[in-house]
Amino acid sequence: MTPSHAGFPTWLEWSGLPLHLNEKIRIGAWSIFHKIVELDCERNRTPDAVEISVTELATRCGVNAKTCRRLLDGLRKQRVIIQFVPESDDEPALFQVRVPPETPISFEEVAKAHPELRLLERVGNARYARAETPVDPEDPSVRRVVDLYLDEIGLRMNSFILDELIFIAQRFPGREIERTFRQARRHERPSLAWIARELRRRHGQEKKPAQQRDRPR
C-alpha cells in the first residue's frame, strides 16, 4: 500500500507526535490517536467528528476500556483532540482532531525534510496541517452556548470547556442546543458529554427522514 492510499496523513508520523504522545501520556496514546485519525479519514471528506464507543475504540487498539479512557484524557490535555465521552463505555462517544494538532515538528518542517510528502497534498496527506480560521469566542452563536453552559451546568470555565462549547455551537442547530441545555437541568448529573450525546442522537434522527424522502422510488 502506497502512502497516497494509506488512508492516513503520513506527515503526522514524521511530526514527532508518535514519540511525544507515548512519552507525555503513556505507551498506547499514539495508537488511540492514530485510530481516531483513521476513522475521520474513512468517514469524513474534511476533518470532522467521529462517533465510536470507548469499548470499541479500546478493542480495536488492543487496550482495556479503563486504559483507553486515561489515554483519551491525556490526548485531550495534549491538545490534539476534542472529545465528549459518556459515562458508559458502551455508549457512542464523539472525538474530533484539532486542526492543526500541536506537534513537535510543524508540517512545513516535515515537508522540507520529506519533499515526497508535498506531492501527496492533493490526495489528503496535508490533512490537519493548516490552521482553520479562528473562531471568535464573542461570536453571538458561541456566546449564546457559553451563556447556556454557565446558566445550566456550572460556573467552571477553562480553555478545554470553551473549545467543547465552540464545537457544539458549530456543529448543531441553535434551537436544538437551547432545548437540550434546558433539558439538562432536569438530568441528575448534567454534563457536556450528556448534552453532546443527546444533540448527536437528535440531530441524526432529524436527518434520517429527509434522507429517506430523497431516495428514488
N, C-alpha and C. Protein backbone atom coordinates (compact mmCIF):
# COMPACT_ATOMS: atom_id res chain seq x y z
N MET A 1 0.86 -1.20 0.00
CA MET A 1 0.00 0.00 0.00
C MET A 1 0.88 1.24 0.00
N THR A 2 0.68 2.13 -0.96
CA THR A 2 1.47 3.35 -1.04
C THR A 2 0.93 4.37 -0.06
N PRO A 3 1.77 5.36 0.36
CA PRO A 3 1.30 6.38 1.30
C PRO A 3 0.05 7.10 0.81
N SER A 4 -0.09 7.29 -0.52
CA SER A 4 -1.24 8.01 -1.04
C SER A 4 -2.54 7.23 -0.88
N HIS A 5 -2.45 5.94 -0.59
CA HIS A 5 -3.65 5.14 -0.41
C HIS A 5 -3.74 4.54 0.99
N ALA A 6 -2.93 5.07 1.90
CA ALA A 6 -2.89 4.51 3.25
C ALA A 6 -4.06 4.97 4.11
N GLY A 7 -4.79 5.99 3.66
CA GLY A 7 -5.91 6.50 4.44
C GLY A 7 -5.47 7.19 5.71
N PHE A 8 -4.25 7.70 5.72
CA PHE A 8 -3.72 8.36 6.91
C PHE A 8 -2.77 9.46 6.46
N PRO A 9 -2.85 10.67 7.06
CA PRO A 9 -1.92 11.75 6.71
C PRO A 9 -0.53 11.43 7.24
N THR A 10 0.31 10.88 6.39
CA THR A 10 1.59 10.36 6.87
C THR A 10 2.53 11.42 7.41
N TRP A 11 2.25 12.70 7.13
CA TRP A 11 3.13 13.74 7.70
C TRP A 11 3.10 13.69 9.22
N LEU A 12 1.98 13.25 9.80
CA LEU A 12 1.88 13.16 11.26
C LEU A 12 2.89 12.17 11.83
N GLU A 13 3.20 11.12 11.07
CA GLU A 13 4.15 10.13 11.56
C GLU A 13 5.56 10.68 11.64
N TRP A 14 5.86 11.73 10.84
CA TRP A 14 7.18 12.36 10.85
C TRP A 14 7.20 13.63 11.69
N SER A 15 6.10 13.95 12.34
CA SER A 15 5.97 15.22 13.07
C SER A 15 6.50 15.17 14.50
N GLY A 16 6.99 14.02 14.91
CA GLY A 16 7.44 13.86 16.30
C GLY A 16 6.31 13.52 17.25
N LEU A 17 5.07 13.48 16.74
CA LEU A 17 3.92 13.25 17.59
C LEU A 17 3.86 11.83 18.17
N PRO A 18 4.22 10.78 17.41
CA PRO A 18 4.14 9.43 17.99
C PRO A 18 4.94 9.30 19.29
N LEU A 19 6.21 9.69 19.26
CA LEU A 19 7.04 9.60 20.46
C LEU A 19 6.56 10.56 21.53
N HIS A 20 6.19 11.77 21.12
CA HIS A 20 5.74 12.79 22.08
C HIS A 20 4.54 12.29 22.88
N LEU A 21 3.54 11.75 22.20
CA LEU A 21 2.34 11.29 22.90
C LEU A 21 2.63 10.10 23.80
N ASN A 22 3.42 9.17 23.31
CA ASN A 22 3.73 7.99 24.12
C ASN A 22 4.59 8.32 25.33
N GLU A 23 5.43 9.35 25.22
CA GLU A 23 6.25 9.76 26.36
C GLU A 23 5.48 10.63 27.34
N LYS A 24 4.70 11.57 26.82
CA LYS A 24 3.99 12.50 27.68
C LYS A 24 2.78 11.85 28.37
N ILE A 25 2.16 10.88 27.71
CA ILE A 25 0.96 10.24 28.27
C ILE A 25 1.35 8.84 28.76
N ARG A 26 1.49 7.92 27.85
CA ARG A 26 1.99 6.57 28.10
C ARG A 26 1.92 5.80 26.79
N ILE A 27 2.61 4.66 26.77
CA ILE A 27 2.58 3.83 25.57
C ILE A 27 1.13 3.47 25.24
N GLY A 28 0.78 3.63 23.99
CA GLY A 28 -0.59 3.37 23.56
C GLY A 28 -1.32 4.63 23.15
N ALA A 29 -0.84 5.78 23.59
CA ALA A 29 -1.52 7.04 23.27
C ALA A 29 -1.51 7.29 21.75
N TRP A 30 -0.37 7.05 21.12
CA TRP A 30 -0.30 7.25 19.68
C TRP A 30 -1.26 6.31 18.96
N SER A 31 -1.39 5.07 19.42
CA SER A 31 -2.29 4.12 18.76
C SER A 31 -3.73 4.60 18.80
N ILE A 32 -4.15 5.16 19.95
CA ILE A 32 -5.51 5.67 20.08
C ILE A 32 -5.71 6.86 19.14
N PHE A 33 -4.76 7.80 19.15
CA PHE A 33 -4.86 8.96 18.27
C PHE A 33 -4.87 8.52 16.80
N HIS A 34 -4.00 7.60 16.46
CA HIS A 34 -3.89 7.09 15.09
C HIS A 34 -5.23 6.53 14.63
N LYS A 35 -5.91 5.78 15.49
CA LYS A 35 -7.19 5.17 15.12
C LYS A 35 -8.25 6.25 14.92
N ILE A 36 -8.28 7.26 15.77
CA ILE A 36 -9.25 8.35 15.60
C ILE A 36 -9.03 9.05 14.26
N VAL A 37 -7.76 9.30 13.92
CA VAL A 37 -7.44 9.92 12.63
C VAL A 37 -7.90 9.02 11.49
N GLU A 38 -7.62 7.73 11.57
CA GLU A 38 -8.04 6.79 10.53
C GLU A 38 -9.55 6.82 10.32
N LEU A 39 -10.28 6.80 11.43
CA LEU A 39 -11.74 6.81 11.34
C LEU A 39 -12.24 8.10 10.71
N ASP A 40 -11.62 9.23 11.06
CA ASP A 40 -12.01 10.51 10.48
C ASP A 40 -11.75 10.50 8.97
N CYS A 41 -10.60 9.98 8.57
CA CYS A 41 -10.27 9.93 7.14
C CYS A 41 -11.23 9.01 6.38
N GLU A 42 -11.64 7.92 7.02
CA GLU A 42 -12.56 6.98 6.39
C GLU A 42 -13.96 7.56 6.23
N ARG A 43 -14.40 8.31 7.24
CA ARG A 43 -15.81 8.70 7.31
C ARG A 43 -16.10 10.11 6.84
N ASN A 44 -15.11 10.99 6.86
CA ASN A 44 -15.36 12.41 6.58
C ASN A 44 -14.45 12.91 5.47
N ARG A 45 -15.04 13.62 4.52
CA ARG A 45 -14.26 14.17 3.41
C ARG A 45 -13.28 15.22 3.92
N THR A 46 -13.72 16.05 4.86
CA THR A 46 -12.86 17.01 5.53
C THR A 46 -12.91 16.73 7.02
N PRO A 47 -11.93 17.19 7.81
CA PRO A 47 -11.89 16.87 9.23
C PRO A 47 -13.20 17.19 9.94
N ASP A 48 -13.68 16.21 10.69
CA ASP A 48 -14.94 16.36 11.40
C ASP A 48 -14.93 15.38 12.56
N ALA A 49 -16.02 15.36 13.31
CA ALA A 49 -16.13 14.45 14.46
C ALA A 49 -16.37 13.02 13.99
N VAL A 50 -15.90 12.07 14.79
CA VAL A 50 -16.20 10.66 14.57
C VAL A 50 -16.87 10.11 15.82
N GLU A 51 -17.75 9.16 15.62
CA GLU A 51 -18.51 8.56 16.71
C GLU A 51 -18.08 7.10 16.88
N ILE A 52 -17.68 6.75 18.09
CA ILE A 52 -17.28 5.39 18.41
C ILE A 52 -17.30 5.24 19.92
N SER A 53 -17.67 4.08 20.41
CA SER A 53 -17.69 3.87 21.86
C SER A 53 -16.28 3.63 22.38
N VAL A 54 -16.08 3.89 23.65
CA VAL A 54 -14.79 3.60 24.27
C VAL A 54 -14.48 2.11 24.17
N THR A 55 -15.50 1.28 24.34
CA THR A 55 -15.30 -0.17 24.27
C THR A 55 -14.75 -0.58 22.91
N GLU A 56 -15.37 -0.08 21.85
CA GLU A 56 -14.91 -0.45 20.50
C GLU A 56 -13.53 0.12 20.22
N LEU A 57 -13.31 1.38 20.60
CA LEU A 57 -12.01 2.00 20.36
C LEU A 57 -10.92 1.23 21.09
N ALA A 58 -11.18 0.87 22.35
CA ALA A 58 -10.20 0.11 23.13
C ALA A 58 -9.90 -1.23 22.48
N THR A 59 -10.95 -1.93 22.06
CA THR A 59 -10.77 -3.24 21.43
C THR A 59 -9.94 -3.15 20.16
N ARG A 60 -10.23 -2.15 19.36
CA ARG A 60 -9.53 -2.01 18.08
C ARG A 60 -8.09 -1.54 18.24
N CYS A 61 -7.76 -1.01 19.43
CA CYS A 61 -6.39 -0.54 19.68
C CYS A 61 -5.63 -1.46 20.64
N GLY A 62 -6.27 -2.52 21.11
CA GLY A 62 -5.58 -3.51 21.93
C GLY A 62 -5.33 -3.10 23.36
N VAL A 63 -6.22 -2.29 23.94
CA VAL A 63 -6.12 -1.93 25.35
C VAL A 63 -7.48 -2.16 26.01
N ASN A 64 -7.51 -2.10 27.35
CA ASN A 64 -8.80 -2.23 28.02
C ASN A 64 -9.47 -0.84 28.10
N ALA A 65 -10.75 -0.83 28.44
CA ALA A 65 -11.52 0.41 28.43
C ALA A 65 -10.98 1.43 29.43
N LYS A 66 -10.55 0.96 30.61
CA LYS A 66 -10.04 1.87 31.63
C LYS A 66 -8.79 2.58 31.13
N THR A 67 -7.89 1.82 30.53
CA THR A 67 -6.68 2.42 29.98
C THR A 67 -7.00 3.36 28.83
N CYS A 68 -7.96 2.97 28.02
CA CYS A 68 -8.36 3.81 26.89
C CYS A 68 -8.84 5.18 27.36
N ARG A 69 -9.65 5.19 28.42
CA ARG A 69 -10.13 6.47 28.96
C ARG A 69 -8.98 7.35 29.44
N ARG A 70 -8.00 6.74 30.09
CA ARG A 70 -6.85 7.51 30.57
C ARG A 70 -6.06 8.09 29.39
N LEU A 71 -5.91 7.28 28.35
CA LEU A 71 -5.18 7.75 27.17
C LEU A 71 -5.94 8.88 26.47
N LEU A 72 -7.25 8.74 26.39
CA LEU A 72 -8.07 9.78 25.77
C LEU A 72 -7.98 11.09 26.55
N ASP A 73 -8.01 10.99 27.87
CA ASP A 73 -7.89 12.19 28.68
C ASP A 73 -6.53 12.85 28.46
N GLY A 74 -5.49 12.04 28.31
CA GLY A 74 -4.16 12.57 28.03
C GLY A 74 -4.09 13.25 26.67
N LEU A 75 -4.74 12.67 25.67
CA LEU A 75 -4.77 13.28 24.34
C LEU A 75 -5.48 14.62 24.37
N ARG A 76 -6.53 14.70 25.17
CA ARG A 76 -7.25 15.97 25.32
C ARG A 76 -6.33 17.01 25.97
N LYS A 77 -5.61 16.61 27.01
CA LYS A 77 -4.72 17.55 27.70
C LYS A 77 -3.55 17.98 26.83
N GLN A 78 -3.13 17.10 25.93
CA GLN A 78 -2.04 17.45 25.00
C GLN A 78 -2.55 18.26 23.81
N ARG A 79 -3.85 18.56 23.81
CA ARG A 79 -4.47 19.43 22.81
C ARG A 79 -4.34 18.90 21.40
N VAL A 80 -4.59 17.60 21.24
CA VAL A 80 -4.63 17.03 19.89
C VAL A 80 -6.04 16.57 19.52
N ILE A 81 -6.94 16.42 20.51
CA ILE A 81 -8.32 16.07 20.20
C ILE A 81 -9.27 16.87 21.09
N ILE A 82 -10.52 16.97 20.62
CA ILE A 82 -11.65 17.41 21.43
C ILE A 82 -12.54 16.19 21.58
N GLN A 83 -13.10 15.98 22.76
CA GLN A 83 -13.87 14.76 22.96
C GLN A 83 -15.08 15.00 23.85
N PHE A 84 -16.09 14.14 23.64
CA PHE A 84 -17.25 14.04 24.52
C PHE A 84 -17.43 12.56 24.81
N VAL A 85 -17.07 12.15 26.02
CA VAL A 85 -17.10 10.73 26.38
C VAL A 85 -18.16 10.51 27.45
N PRO A 86 -19.19 9.70 27.17
CA PRO A 86 -20.23 9.43 28.17
C PRO A 86 -19.70 8.55 29.29
N GLU A 87 -20.50 8.41 30.35
CA GLU A 87 -20.07 7.60 31.49
C GLU A 87 -19.96 6.13 31.13
N SER A 88 -20.87 5.65 30.30
CA SER A 88 -20.85 4.24 29.91
C SER A 88 -19.85 4.01 28.78
N ASP A 89 -19.01 3.00 28.93
CA ASP A 89 -18.03 2.68 27.89
C ASP A 89 -18.70 2.21 26.60
N ASP A 90 -19.93 1.72 26.70
CA ASP A 90 -20.60 1.14 25.53
C ASP A 90 -21.40 2.16 24.74
N GLU A 91 -21.59 3.37 25.28
CA GLU A 91 -22.33 4.40 24.56
C GLU A 91 -21.39 5.11 23.58
N PRO A 92 -21.93 5.56 22.45
CA PRO A 92 -21.09 6.27 21.48
C PRO A 92 -20.49 7.55 22.07
N ALA A 93 -19.22 7.75 21.82
CA ALA A 93 -18.53 8.98 22.20
C ALA A 93 -18.20 9.76 20.92
N LEU A 94 -17.92 11.04 21.07
CA LEU A 94 -17.55 11.88 19.93
C LEU A 94 -16.10 12.35 20.09
N PHE A 95 -15.34 12.25 19.01
CA PHE A 95 -13.95 12.69 19.00
C PHE A 95 -13.69 13.51 17.75
N GLN A 96 -12.91 14.58 17.91
CA GLN A 96 -12.52 15.38 16.76
C GLN A 96 -11.06 15.79 16.91
N VAL A 97 -10.30 15.62 15.84
CA VAL A 97 -8.89 16.02 15.83
C VAL A 97 -8.80 17.53 15.72
N ARG A 98 -7.97 18.13 16.55
CA ARG A 98 -7.74 19.57 16.44
C ARG A 98 -7.03 19.88 15.12
N VAL A 99 -7.35 21.03 14.56
CA VAL A 99 -6.70 21.45 13.32
C VAL A 99 -6.04 22.82 13.54
N PRO A 100 -4.69 22.85 13.50
CA PRO A 100 -3.81 21.69 13.46
C PRO A 100 -3.58 21.14 14.87
N PRO A 101 -3.26 19.86 15.00
CA PRO A 101 -2.87 19.36 16.32
C PRO A 101 -1.52 19.95 16.70
N GLU A 102 -1.25 20.04 17.98
CA GLU A 102 0.03 20.59 18.43
C GLU A 102 1.10 19.52 18.29
N THR A 103 1.97 19.68 17.30
CA THR A 103 3.01 18.69 17.01
C THR A 103 4.38 19.27 17.29
N PRO A 104 5.34 18.44 17.71
CA PRO A 104 6.69 18.93 17.96
C PRO A 104 7.35 19.52 16.71
N ILE A 105 7.04 18.95 15.55
CA ILE A 105 7.60 19.41 14.27
C ILE A 105 6.43 19.82 13.38
N SER A 106 6.49 21.01 12.82
CA SER A 106 5.40 21.51 12.01
C SER A 106 5.34 20.80 10.66
N PHE A 107 4.18 20.93 10.01
CA PHE A 107 4.03 20.34 8.67
C PHE A 107 5.06 20.91 7.71
N GLU A 108 5.33 22.20 7.78
CA GLU A 108 6.29 22.83 6.88
C GLU A 108 7.68 22.24 7.06
N GLU A 109 8.07 22.01 8.31
CA GLU A 109 9.38 21.41 8.56
C GLU A 109 9.43 19.97 8.07
N VAL A 110 8.35 19.24 8.30
CA VAL A 110 8.28 17.85 7.81
C VAL A 110 8.38 17.83 6.29
N ALA A 111 7.67 18.73 5.63
CA ALA A 111 7.67 18.76 4.16
C ALA A 111 9.06 19.07 3.61
N LYS A 112 9.83 19.92 4.30
CA LYS A 112 11.19 20.22 3.85
C LYS A 112 12.08 18.99 3.96
N ALA A 113 11.91 18.25 5.05
CA ALA A 113 12.74 17.06 5.26
C ALA A 113 12.30 15.89 4.40
N HIS A 114 11.00 15.89 4.04
CA HIS A 114 10.45 14.78 3.23
C HIS A 114 9.67 15.38 2.05
N PRO A 115 10.39 15.89 1.06
CA PRO A 115 9.71 16.57 -0.06
C PRO A 115 8.71 15.70 -0.79
N GLU A 116 8.86 14.37 -0.71
CA GLU A 116 7.91 13.50 -1.39
C GLU A 116 6.49 13.65 -0.83
N LEU A 117 6.37 14.10 0.41
CA LEU A 117 5.05 14.26 1.01
C LEU A 117 4.29 15.42 0.39
N ARG A 118 5.00 16.42 -0.13
CA ARG A 118 4.35 17.55 -0.79
C ARG A 118 3.52 17.07 -1.99
N LEU A 119 4.02 16.03 -2.65
CA LEU A 119 3.33 15.53 -3.84
C LEU A 119 2.00 14.87 -3.47
N LEU A 120 1.84 14.56 -2.20
CA LEU A 120 0.63 13.85 -1.80
C LEU A 120 -0.44 14.79 -1.24
N GLU A 121 -0.20 16.09 -1.24
CA GLU A 121 -1.18 17.02 -0.67
C GLU A 121 -2.54 16.88 -1.34
N ARG A 122 -2.54 16.69 -2.65
CA ARG A 122 -3.82 16.66 -3.35
C ARG A 122 -4.63 15.40 -3.03
N VAL A 123 -4.00 14.39 -2.44
CA VAL A 123 -4.75 13.18 -2.06
C VAL A 123 -4.94 13.10 -0.55
N GLY A 124 -4.75 14.22 0.12
CA GLY A 124 -5.12 14.27 1.53
C GLY A 124 -4.01 14.14 2.52
N ASN A 125 -2.75 14.08 2.07
CA ASN A 125 -1.68 13.89 3.04
C ASN A 125 -1.46 15.13 3.91
N ALA A 126 -1.91 16.29 3.47
CA ALA A 126 -1.76 17.51 4.26
C ALA A 126 -2.94 17.74 5.18
N ARG A 127 -3.81 16.76 5.33
CA ARG A 127 -4.96 16.87 6.21
C ARG A 127 -4.51 17.26 7.62
N TYR A 128 -5.19 18.18 8.24
CA TYR A 128 -4.90 18.72 9.58
C TYR A 128 -3.70 19.67 9.62
N ALA A 129 -3.02 19.87 8.49
CA ALA A 129 -1.75 20.60 8.53
C ALA A 129 -1.93 22.10 8.76
N ARG A 130 -3.00 22.65 8.23
CA ARG A 130 -3.13 24.11 8.26
C ARG A 130 -4.28 24.54 9.15
N ALA A 131 -4.01 25.59 9.91
CA ALA A 131 -4.99 26.06 10.89
C ALA A 131 -6.25 26.56 10.20
N GLU A 132 -7.37 26.26 10.84
CA GLU A 132 -8.63 26.81 10.38
C GLU A 132 -8.74 28.26 10.84
N THR A 133 -9.68 28.99 10.27
CA THR A 133 -9.92 30.35 10.72
C THR A 133 -10.36 30.33 12.17
N PRO A 134 -9.68 31.05 13.06
CA PRO A 134 -10.05 31.01 14.47
C PRO A 134 -11.49 31.47 14.69
N VAL A 135 -12.13 30.85 15.65
CA VAL A 135 -13.50 31.23 15.99
C VAL A 135 -13.44 32.28 17.11
N ASP A 136 -14.15 33.37 16.92
CA ASP A 136 -14.20 34.41 17.93
C ASP A 136 -15.12 33.97 19.07
N PRO A 137 -14.59 33.84 20.30
CA PRO A 137 -15.44 33.44 21.43
C PRO A 137 -16.60 34.39 21.68
N GLU A 138 -16.49 35.62 21.16
CA GLU A 138 -17.56 36.59 21.32
C GLU A 138 -18.56 36.55 20.17
N ASP A 139 -18.38 35.65 19.23
CA ASP A 139 -19.37 35.46 18.18
C ASP A 139 -20.72 35.16 18.85
N PRO A 140 -21.82 35.78 18.39
CA PRO A 140 -23.11 35.62 19.08
C PRO A 140 -23.55 34.16 19.27
N SER A 141 -23.32 33.31 18.27
CA SER A 141 -23.74 31.91 18.40
C SER A 141 -22.92 31.18 19.46
N VAL A 142 -21.62 31.49 19.52
CA VAL A 142 -20.77 30.88 20.54
C VAL A 142 -21.09 31.46 21.92
N ARG A 143 -21.28 32.76 21.97
CA ARG A 143 -21.58 33.42 23.25
C ARG A 143 -22.87 32.87 23.85
N ARG A 144 -23.84 32.57 22.99
CA ARG A 144 -25.11 32.03 23.47
C ARG A 144 -24.90 30.66 24.11
N VAL A 145 -24.09 29.82 23.50
CA VAL A 145 -23.83 28.49 24.06
C VAL A 145 -23.05 28.60 25.36
N VAL A 146 -22.11 29.51 25.42
CA VAL A 146 -21.35 29.73 26.66
C VAL A 146 -22.29 30.16 27.78
N ASP A 147 -23.20 31.08 27.47
CA ASP A 147 -24.16 31.54 28.47
C ASP A 147 -25.07 30.40 28.94
N LEU A 148 -25.51 29.56 28.02
CA LEU A 148 -26.34 28.41 28.38
C LEU A 148 -25.58 27.47 29.32
N TYR A 149 -24.31 27.26 29.02
CA TYR A 149 -23.48 26.40 29.87
C TYR A 149 -23.37 26.98 31.28
N LEU A 150 -23.09 28.28 31.37
CA LEU A 150 -22.94 28.91 32.68
C LEU A 150 -24.25 28.91 33.45
N ASP A 151 -25.36 29.03 32.74
CA ASP A 151 -26.67 29.06 33.40
C ASP A 151 -27.12 27.67 33.86
N GLU A 152 -26.87 26.66 33.02
CA GLU A 152 -27.48 25.35 33.26
C GLU A 152 -26.52 24.32 33.85
N ILE A 153 -25.23 24.46 33.61
CA ILE A 153 -24.28 23.42 34.05
C ILE A 153 -23.43 23.88 35.21
N GLY A 154 -22.81 25.04 35.12
CA GLY A 154 -21.96 25.49 36.22
C GLY A 154 -21.11 26.67 35.81
N LEU A 155 -20.36 27.18 36.77
CA LEU A 155 -19.56 28.37 36.54
C LEU A 155 -18.10 28.06 36.22
N ARG A 156 -17.72 26.80 36.24
CA ARG A 156 -16.32 26.45 35.95
C ARG A 156 -16.07 26.58 34.45
N MET A 157 -15.05 27.35 34.09
CA MET A 157 -14.74 27.57 32.69
C MET A 157 -13.24 27.54 32.50
N ASN A 158 -12.79 26.84 31.46
CA ASN A 158 -11.39 26.85 31.09
C ASN A 158 -11.29 26.69 29.58
N SER A 159 -10.06 26.65 29.06
CA SER A 159 -9.89 26.62 27.61
C SER A 159 -10.44 25.34 26.99
N PHE A 160 -10.35 24.22 27.73
CA PHE A 160 -10.88 22.96 27.22
C PHE A 160 -12.39 23.02 27.07
N ILE A 161 -13.06 23.53 28.09
CA ILE A 161 -14.51 23.64 28.05
C ILE A 161 -14.94 24.60 26.94
N LEU A 162 -14.24 25.71 26.80
CA LEU A 162 -14.57 26.68 25.76
C LEU A 162 -14.46 26.03 24.38
N ASP A 163 -13.42 25.24 24.17
CA ASP A 163 -13.26 24.54 22.88
C ASP A 163 -14.43 23.61 22.62
N GLU A 164 -14.89 22.92 23.67
CA GLU A 164 -16.00 22.00 23.53
C GLU A 164 -17.30 22.74 23.24
N LEU A 165 -17.47 23.90 23.84
CA LEU A 165 -18.67 24.70 23.58
C LEU A 165 -18.66 25.24 22.15
N ILE A 166 -17.50 25.64 21.67
CA ILE A 166 -17.38 26.09 20.28
C ILE A 166 -17.71 24.94 19.34
N PHE A 167 -17.23 23.76 19.67
CA PHE A 167 -17.52 22.55 18.89
C PHE A 167 -19.04 22.36 18.78
N ILE A 168 -19.74 22.47 19.89
CA ILE A 168 -21.20 22.31 19.90
C ILE A 168 -21.86 23.41 19.08
N ALA A 169 -21.42 24.66 19.26
CA ALA A 169 -22.02 25.79 18.55
C ALA A 169 -21.87 25.65 17.04
N GLN A 170 -20.75 25.11 16.59
CA GLN A 170 -20.50 24.98 15.16
C GLN A 170 -21.22 23.79 14.54
N ARG A 171 -21.52 22.78 15.35
CA ARG A 171 -21.99 21.51 14.81
C ARG A 171 -23.51 21.36 14.79
N PHE A 172 -24.22 21.99 15.74
CA PHE A 172 -25.65 21.71 15.90
C PHE A 172 -26.49 22.98 15.77
N PRO A 173 -27.76 22.82 15.37
CA PRO A 173 -28.66 23.97 15.24
C PRO A 173 -28.91 24.65 16.58
N GLY A 174 -29.02 25.98 16.54
CA GLY A 174 -29.17 26.77 17.77
C GLY A 174 -30.37 26.37 18.61
N ARG A 175 -31.54 26.14 17.96
CA ARG A 175 -32.74 25.79 18.73
C ARG A 175 -32.58 24.46 19.45
N GLU A 176 -31.92 23.50 18.77
CA GLU A 176 -31.70 22.19 19.40
C GLU A 176 -30.74 22.31 20.58
N ILE A 177 -29.73 23.17 20.44
CA ILE A 177 -28.78 23.38 21.53
C ILE A 177 -29.51 23.94 22.75
N GLU A 178 -30.32 24.95 22.54
CA GLU A 178 -31.05 25.57 23.65
C GLU A 178 -31.97 24.56 24.32
N ARG A 179 -32.71 23.81 23.52
CA ARG A 179 -33.64 22.84 24.09
C ARG A 179 -32.91 21.78 24.91
N THR A 180 -31.78 21.33 24.41
CA THR A 180 -31.04 20.27 25.12
C THR A 180 -30.42 20.79 26.41
N PHE A 181 -29.91 22.00 26.40
CA PHE A 181 -29.37 22.58 27.63
C PHE A 181 -30.47 22.75 28.67
N ARG A 182 -31.66 23.17 28.24
CA ARG A 182 -32.77 23.31 29.19
C ARG A 182 -33.14 21.97 29.80
N GLN A 183 -33.15 20.94 28.98
CA GLN A 183 -33.49 19.61 29.48
C GLN A 183 -32.40 19.05 30.40
N ALA A 184 -31.17 19.49 30.18
CA ALA A 184 -30.07 19.02 31.02
C ALA A 184 -30.28 19.42 32.47
N ARG A 185 -31.01 20.50 32.69
CA ARG A 185 -31.28 20.96 34.05
C ARG A 185 -32.01 19.89 34.87
N ARG A 186 -32.85 19.10 34.19
CA ARG A 186 -33.61 18.06 34.88
C ARG A 186 -32.86 16.74 34.99
N HIS A 187 -31.71 16.69 34.36
CA HIS A 187 -30.92 15.47 34.40
C HIS A 187 -30.18 15.39 35.74
N GLU A 188 -30.06 14.18 36.26
CA GLU A 188 -29.45 14.02 37.59
C GLU A 188 -28.02 14.53 37.64
N ARG A 189 -27.25 14.23 36.61
CA ARG A 189 -25.86 14.67 36.57
C ARG A 189 -25.59 15.30 35.20
N PRO A 190 -26.06 16.53 34.98
CA PRO A 190 -25.87 17.16 33.67
C PRO A 190 -24.40 17.38 33.36
N SER A 191 -24.03 17.16 32.14
CA SER A 191 -22.64 17.34 31.72
C SER A 191 -22.63 17.67 30.24
N LEU A 192 -21.51 18.21 29.78
CA LEU A 192 -21.37 18.48 28.36
C LEU A 192 -21.39 17.20 27.54
N ALA A 193 -20.84 16.12 28.10
CA ALA A 193 -20.86 14.85 27.39
C ALA A 193 -22.29 14.37 27.16
N TRP A 194 -23.15 14.52 28.17
CA TRP A 194 -24.55 14.12 28.03
C TRP A 194 -25.24 15.00 26.99
N ILE A 195 -24.99 16.30 27.04
CA ILE A 195 -25.59 17.23 26.09
C ILE A 195 -25.16 16.89 24.66
N ALA A 196 -23.86 16.65 24.46
CA ALA A 196 -23.36 16.33 23.12
C ALA A 196 -23.97 15.02 22.62
N ARG A 197 -24.11 14.05 23.49
CA ARG A 197 -24.71 12.77 23.10
C ARG A 197 -26.16 12.96 22.66
N GLU A 198 -26.92 13.75 23.43
CA GLU A 198 -28.32 13.99 23.09
C GLU A 198 -28.44 14.77 21.78
N LEU A 199 -27.59 15.75 21.59
CA LEU A 199 -27.62 16.52 20.35
C LEU A 199 -27.28 15.64 19.15
N ARG A 200 -26.29 14.79 19.33
CA ARG A 200 -25.90 13.88 18.23
C ARG A 200 -27.05 12.94 17.90
N ARG A 201 -27.70 12.41 18.91
CA ARG A 201 -28.80 11.47 18.69
C ARG A 201 -29.97 12.15 17.98
N ARG A 202 -30.36 13.32 18.48
CA ARG A 202 -31.50 14.02 17.89
C ARG A 202 -31.19 14.53 16.49
N HIS A 203 -29.99 15.03 16.32
CA HIS A 203 -29.62 15.56 15.02
C HIS A 203 -29.64 14.45 13.97
N GLY A 204 -29.18 13.27 14.36
CA GLY A 204 -29.20 12.13 13.46
C GLY A 204 -30.61 11.70 13.11
N GLN A 205 -31.50 11.74 14.10
CA GLN A 205 -32.89 11.37 13.87
C GLN A 205 -33.58 12.36 12.94
N GLU A 206 -33.23 13.65 13.08
CA GLU A 206 -33.85 14.66 12.24
C GLU A 206 -33.41 14.52 10.78
N LYS A 207 -32.17 14.09 10.57
CA LYS A 207 -31.67 13.97 9.21
C LYS A 207 -32.25 12.76 8.50
N LYS A 208 -32.54 11.70 9.25
CA LYS A 208 -32.93 10.43 8.64
C LYS A 208 -34.18 10.53 7.78
N PRO A 209 -35.29 11.14 8.23
CA PRO A 209 -36.48 11.23 7.40
C PRO A 209 -36.23 11.95 6.08
N ALA A 210 -35.42 13.02 6.13
CA ALA A 210 -35.11 13.76 4.91
C ALA A 210 -34.37 12.89 3.92
N GLN A 211 -33.43 12.07 4.44
CA GLN A 211 -32.69 11.18 3.57
C GLN A 211 -33.61 10.14 2.95
N GLN A 212 -34.57 9.66 3.74
CA GLN A 212 -35.50 8.66 3.23
C GLN A 212 -36.38 9.25 2.13
N ARG A 213 -36.76 10.53 2.28
CA ARG A 213 -37.61 11.16 1.29
C ARG A 213 -36.88 11.35 -0.04
N ASP A 214 -35.55 11.48 0.05
CA ASP A 214 -34.77 11.71 -1.17
C ASP A 214 -34.48 10.44 -1.96
N ARG A 215 -34.78 9.29 -1.37
CA ARG A 215 -34.49 8.04 -2.05
C ARG A 215 -35.38 7.89 -3.27
N PRO A 216 -34.81 7.44 -4.38
CA PRO A 216 -35.64 7.23 -5.59
C PRO A 216 -36.58 6.06 -5.38
N ARG A 217 -37.76 6.15 -5.93
CA ARG A 217 -38.74 5.06 -5.82
C ARG A 217 -38.62 4.11 -7.00
